Amino acid sequence: MKWSEDEDGMCKLCGDKLGTVPHILAGCPVSLSQGRYRWRHDKVLKQIADQVKFHCERRVNKRKSSCVTRKAIEFVPAGGRFKEVKRSKVSEFGILSGATDWIVLADLDKQLKFPSDIATTRLRPDLVLFSKASKRVIWWELTVPSEERIAASHELKLDRYNSLQAEIQANGWSCFSFAVEVGARGVVAASLECASRKIGLTGRALKKLVRDCGKDAAHCSRWIYLLSRKREWEMRAV
């Protein structure tokens, strides 16, 4: 975009592309190499990791039962005899149900090491949840693209871990892979809500996660935009 009539409208960092909002927020190679986008990505990832970890440690791992019971209602006609109805078990925490030893790992500052007793790999998903008791592993791969590329980013991330998923299943573990997206301008894709519901995050907890992720993405993008004319970039703490 042009800052004045005397400018040519080119990006002030790379100088190769027009300085459109999608380019500045998610498409500039200089911003990418300097870690501006990674900074925003990790801010959103930390928000997700903190809330998912709280969910696992305070709700899932400390629950007394892995399921709740829901009593069915049966109408009895006049003169009829009441029959005992079996209660149906309803999963309360989705994929996490049935285990209380869930561990959450996040790839912040590129520190995540995939558990070697599950699989040997150099791949580092953004968020890993696993339970040794149930032999289940779940990972989320986060992308913070421009809103115009949310759908394309989703498909690319899903394909990236096909080989790892096959290896884990061969080792006797159940594996669940999710690609989640939060738009650079704060629009949270439905994929984040879908993945959250799969692990039992609902109601106010889910609304808080969606709201906070969108807020953090928009806040970081605002600084990326404001500093898009400044070639120097100082990393800010996540």
Protein backbone atom coordinates (compact mmCIF):
# COMPACT_ATOMS: atom_id res chain seq x y z
CA MET A 1 0.00 0.00 0.00
CA LYS A 2 1.10 3.62 -0.53
CA TRP A 3 2.00 5.74 2.45
CA SER A 4 2.03 8.87 0.24
CA GLU A 5 1.47 9.82 -3.40
CA ASP A 6 5.22 9.97 -3.98
CA GLU A 7 5.75 6.28 -3.24
CA ASP A 8 5.47 3.35 -5.64
CA GLY A 9 3.50 1.14 -3.24
CA MET A 10 6.17 -1.56 -3.02
CA CYS A 11 6.92 -3.41 0.22
CA LYS A 12 9.55 -1.45 2.17
CA LEU A 13 11.24 -4.61 3.44
CA CYS A 14 11.66 -6.85 0.39
CA GLY A 15 11.05 -4.30 -2.38
CA ASP A 16 9.87 -7.06 -4.73
CA LYS A 17 6.12 -7.11 -4.15
CA LEU A 18 3.34 -4.61 -3.69
CA GLY A 19 2.92 -3.75 -0.03
CA THR A 20 -0.62 -5.07 0.29
CA VAL A 21 -2.00 -5.99 3.69
CA PRO A 22 -1.83 -9.78 2.99
CA HIS A 23 1.78 -9.40 1.83
CA ILE A 24 2.88 -7.36 4.83
CA LEU A 25 1.13 -9.59 7.35
CA ALA A 26 1.95 -13.02 5.93
CA GLY A 27 3.80 -12.95 2.61
CA CYS A 28 7.02 -10.94 2.93
CA PRO A 29 10.19 -13.11 2.71
CA VAL A 30 12.18 -10.60 4.78
CA SER A 31 9.63 -10.69 7.59
CA LEU A 32 9.69 -14.46 7.40
CA SER A 33 13.48 -14.72 7.58
CA GLN A 34 13.67 -12.21 10.44
CA GLY A 35 11.20 -14.20 12.54
CA ARG A 36 8.40 -11.66 12.58
CA TYR A 37 5.81 -14.24 11.59
CA ARG A 38 7.31 -16.85 13.90
CA TRP A 39 6.95 -14.41 16.80
CA ARG A 40 3.25 -14.04 16.09
CA HIS A 41 2.84 -17.79 15.57
CA ASP A 42 4.46 -18.57 18.93
CA LYS A 43 2.33 -15.98 20.74
CA VAL A 44 -0.81 -17.72 19.48
CA LEU A 45 0.68 -21.17 20.12
CA LYS A 46 1.47 -20.26 23.73
CA GLN A 47 -2.12 -19.17 24.24
CA ILE A 48 -3.34 -22.50 22.89
CA ALA A 49 -0.77 -24.55 24.83
CA ASP A 50 -1.53 -22.84 28.15
CA GLN A 51 -5.27 -23.35 27.86
CA VAL A 52 -5.06 -26.94 26.58
CA LYS A 53 -2.58 -27.80 29.34
CA PHE A 54 -4.92 -26.30 31.95
CA HIS A 55 -7.78 -28.32 30.46
CA CYS A 56 -5.82 -31.57 30.65
CA GLU A 57 -4.31 -31.06 34.09
CA ARG A 58 -7.25 -29.47 35.91
CA ARG A 59 -10.23 -31.09 34.21
CA VAL A 60 -9.28 -34.32 32.44
CA ASN A 61 -6.50 -35.76 34.60
CA LYS A 62 -8.26 -34.92 37.89
CA ARG A 63 -11.72 -36.19 37.04
CA LYS A 64 -13.15 -39.09 39.03
CA SER A 65 -14.71 -40.81 36.06
CA SER A 66 -13.94 -40.93 32.37
CA CYS A 67 -17.57 -40.65 31.41
CA VAL A 68 -20.86 -39.27 32.57
CA THR A 69 -24.18 -41.09 32.52
CA ARG A 70 -27.31 -39.77 30.99
CA LYS A 71 -30.59 -41.34 32.04
CA ALA A 72 -33.10 -41.96 29.28
CA ILE A 73 -36.74 -41.00 29.88
CA GLU A 74 -39.39 -43.62 29.18
CA PHE A 75 -43.10 -42.91 29.39
CA VAL A 76 -45.20 -45.65 31.03
CA PRO A 77 -48.85 -46.00 29.95
CA ALA A 78 -51.57 -46.17 32.56
CA GLY A 79 -51.64 -49.59 34.17
CA GLY A 80 -48.27 -50.49 32.67
CA ARG A 81 -45.20 -51.58 34.59
CA PHE A 82 -42.02 -49.51 34.76
CA LYS A 83 -38.99 -51.17 33.23
CA GLU A 84 -35.47 -50.28 34.27
CA VAL A 85 -33.70 -48.54 31.42
CA LYS A 86 -29.98 -48.99 30.98
CA ARG A 87 -28.03 -45.78 31.17
CA SER A 88 -26.05 -44.82 28.13
CA LYS A 89 -22.50 -43.65 28.61
CA VAL A 90 -21.64 -40.34 27.02
CA SER A 91 -18.04 -39.32 26.42
CA GLU A 92 -17.26 -36.11 28.28
CA PHE A 93 -13.77 -35.36 27.02
CA GLY A 94 -13.79 -36.87 23.53
CA ILE A 95 -10.47 -38.41 22.53
CA LEU A 96 -9.07 -37.76 26.01
CA SER A 97 -11.70 -39.92 27.73
CA GLY A 98 -10.54 -43.10 29.40
CA ALA A 99 -7.15 -41.85 30.62
CA THR A 100 -5.95 -39.50 33.35
CA ASP A 101 -2.24 -39.24 32.53
CA TRP A 102 -2.28 -36.80 29.62
CA ILE A 103 0.91 -34.84 29.01
CA VAL A 104 1.01 -31.68 26.85
CA LEU A 105 4.13 -30.55 24.97
CA ALA A 106 4.45 -27.37 22.88
CA ASP A 107 7.09 -26.45 20.31
CA LEU A 108 7.93 -23.03 21.71
CA ASP A 109 11.46 -21.74 20.93
CA LYS A 110 11.88 -24.95 18.88
CA GLN A 111 12.33 -26.97 22.07
CA LEU A 112 9.86 -29.80 21.48
CA LYS A 113 11.23 -33.30 21.22
CA PHE A 114 8.76 -35.89 20.04
CA PRO A 115 8.52 -38.71 22.63
CA SER A 116 10.97 -41.38 21.50
CA ASP A 117 8.90 -44.22 22.97
CA ILE A 118 6.10 -43.31 20.56
CA ALA A 119 8.15 -42.78 17.38
CA THR A 120 11.59 -41.67 16.26
CA THR A 121 11.25 -38.54 14.13
CA ARG A 122 12.73 -35.12 13.54
CA LEU A 123 9.30 -33.65 12.93
CA ARG A 124 8.04 -31.27 15.58
CA PRO A 125 4.30 -30.71 15.63
CA ASP A 126 3.32 -27.48 17.37
CA LEU A 127 1.32 -29.18 20.13
CA VAL A 128 1.50 -32.82 21.25
CA LEU A 129 -0.81 -34.55 23.73
CA PHE A 130 -0.17 -38.16 24.68
CA SER A 131 -1.26 -40.77 27.19
CA LYS A 132 0.86 -43.85 27.85
CA ALA A 133 -2.00 -45.58 29.65
CA SER A 134 -4.31 -45.45 26.63
CA LYS A 135 -1.50 -45.40 24.02
CA ARG A 136 -3.04 -42.41 22.29
CA VAL A 137 -1.22 -39.42 20.82
CA ILE A 138 -2.74 -36.24 19.43
CA TRP A 139 -1.02 -33.36 17.74
CA TRP A 140 -2.07 -29.96 16.49
CA GLU A 141 -0.20 -28.11 13.78
CA LEU A 142 -0.86 -24.37 13.91
CA THR A 143 -0.71 -21.93 11.02
CA VAL A 144 -1.29 -18.18 11.18
CA PRO A 145 -1.76 -17.33 7.49
CA SER A 146 -3.52 -14.46 5.79
CA GLU A 147 -7.26 -15.09 5.87
CA GLU A 148 -7.23 -15.62 2.10
CA ARG A 149 -5.01 -18.70 2.49
CA ILE A 150 -6.63 -20.47 5.43
CA ALA A 151 -8.13 -23.29 3.34
CA ALA A 152 -4.91 -23.93 1.40
CA SER A 153 -2.82 -23.92 4.59
CA HIS A 154 -5.11 -26.48 6.18
CA GLU A 155 -4.59 -29.06 3.43
CA LEU A 156 -0.81 -28.56 3.32
CA LYS A 157 -0.42 -29.15 7.06
CA LEU A 158 -2.54 -32.30 7.05
CA ASP A 159 -0.38 -33.95 4.37
CA ARG A 160 2.88 -33.16 6.15
CA TYR A 161 2.52 -35.78 8.88
CA ASN A 162 1.16 -38.75 6.94
CA SER A 163 4.37 -40.80 7.28
CA LEU A 164 4.67 -40.09 11.01
CA GLN A 165 1.07 -41.10 11.56
CA ALA A 166 1.66 -44.42 9.76
CA GLU A 167 4.77 -45.15 11.87
CA ILE A 168 2.99 -44.40 15.14
CA GLN A 169 0.08 -46.65 14.24
CA ALA A 170 2.52 -49.42 13.32
CA ASN A 171 3.98 -49.08 16.82
CA GLY A 172 0.58 -49.85 18.36
CA TRP A 173 -0.56 -46.31 19.20
CA SER A 174 -3.75 -44.57 18.18
CA CYS A 175 -2.97 -41.32 16.42
CA PHE A 176 -5.04 -38.18 15.82
CA SER A 177 -3.76 -35.31 13.68
CA PHE A 178 -5.32 -31.84 13.48
CA ALA A 179 -4.38 -28.76 11.47
CA VAL A 180 -5.65 -25.53 13.06
CA GLU A 181 -5.57 -22.01 11.68
CA VAL A 182 -5.88 -18.55 13.17
CA GLY A 183 -5.97 -15.77 10.57
CA ALA A 184 -3.33 -13.05 10.71
CA ARG A 185 -6.02 -10.41 11.18
CA GLY A 186 -7.64 -12.30 14.05
CA VAL A 187 -10.25 -14.40 12.25
CA VAL A 188 -10.20 -17.81 13.95
CA ALA A 189 -10.89 -20.67 11.54
CA ALA A 190 -13.48 -23.34 12.34
CA SER A 191 -10.64 -25.89 12.46
CA LEU A 192 -9.54 -24.63 15.90
CA GLU A 193 -13.02 -25.01 17.35
CA CYS A 194 -13.37 -28.47 15.77
CA ALA A 195 -10.05 -29.71 17.21
CA SER A 196 -10.92 -28.24 20.62
CA ARG A 197 -14.26 -30.02 20.75
CA LYS A 198 -12.51 -33.30 19.95
CA ILE A 199 -10.68 -33.07 23.28
CA GLY A 200 -13.70 -31.92 25.26
CA LEU A 201 -13.14 -28.15 25.25
CA THR A 202 -16.62 -26.65 25.09
CA GLY A 203 -18.71 -23.83 26.49
CA ARG A 204 -16.98 -20.88 28.11
CA ALA A 205 -13.56 -22.56 27.93
CA LEU A 206 -13.85 -22.90 24.16
CA LYS A 207 -15.11 -19.33 23.73
CA LYS A 208 -12.18 -18.06 25.77
CA LEU A 209 -9.67 -20.00 23.68
CA VAL A 210 -11.11 -18.71 20.40
CA ARG A 211 -11.33 -15.14 21.67
CA ASP A 212 -7.80 -15.05 23.11
CA CYS A 213 -6.19 -16.62 20.04
CA GLY A 214 -7.86 -14.15 17.71
CA LYS A 215 -6.92 -11.27 19.96
CA ASP A 216 -3.25 -12.29 20.16
CA ALA A 217 -2.98 -12.80 16.39
CA ALA A 218 -4.50 -9.37 15.68
CA HIS A 219 -2.31 -7.68 18.30
CA CYS A 220 0.89 -9.14 16.84
CA SER A 221 -0.16 -8.36 13.29
CA ARG A 222 -0.74 -4.76 14.27
CA TRP A 223 2.91 -4.48 15.34
CA ILE A 224 4.11 -6.30 12.24
CA TYR A 225 2.17 -3.79 10.14
CA LEU A 226 3.34 -0.75 12.10
CA LEU A 227 6.98 -1.85 11.83
CA SER A 228 6.76 -2.87 8.16
CA ARG A 229 8.91 0.14 7.20
CA LYS A 230 11.59 -0.69 9.74
CA ARG A 231 14.24 -3.11 8.51
CA GLU A 232 15.53 -3.95 11.97
CA TRP A 233 13.48 -6.38 14.00
CA GLU A 234 13.94 -7.12 17.67
CA MET A 235 12.42 -10.35 18.86
CA ARG A 236 9.84 -9.87 21.57
CA ALA A 237 9.33 -12.35 24.35
CA VAL A 238 6.56 -14.86 23.80
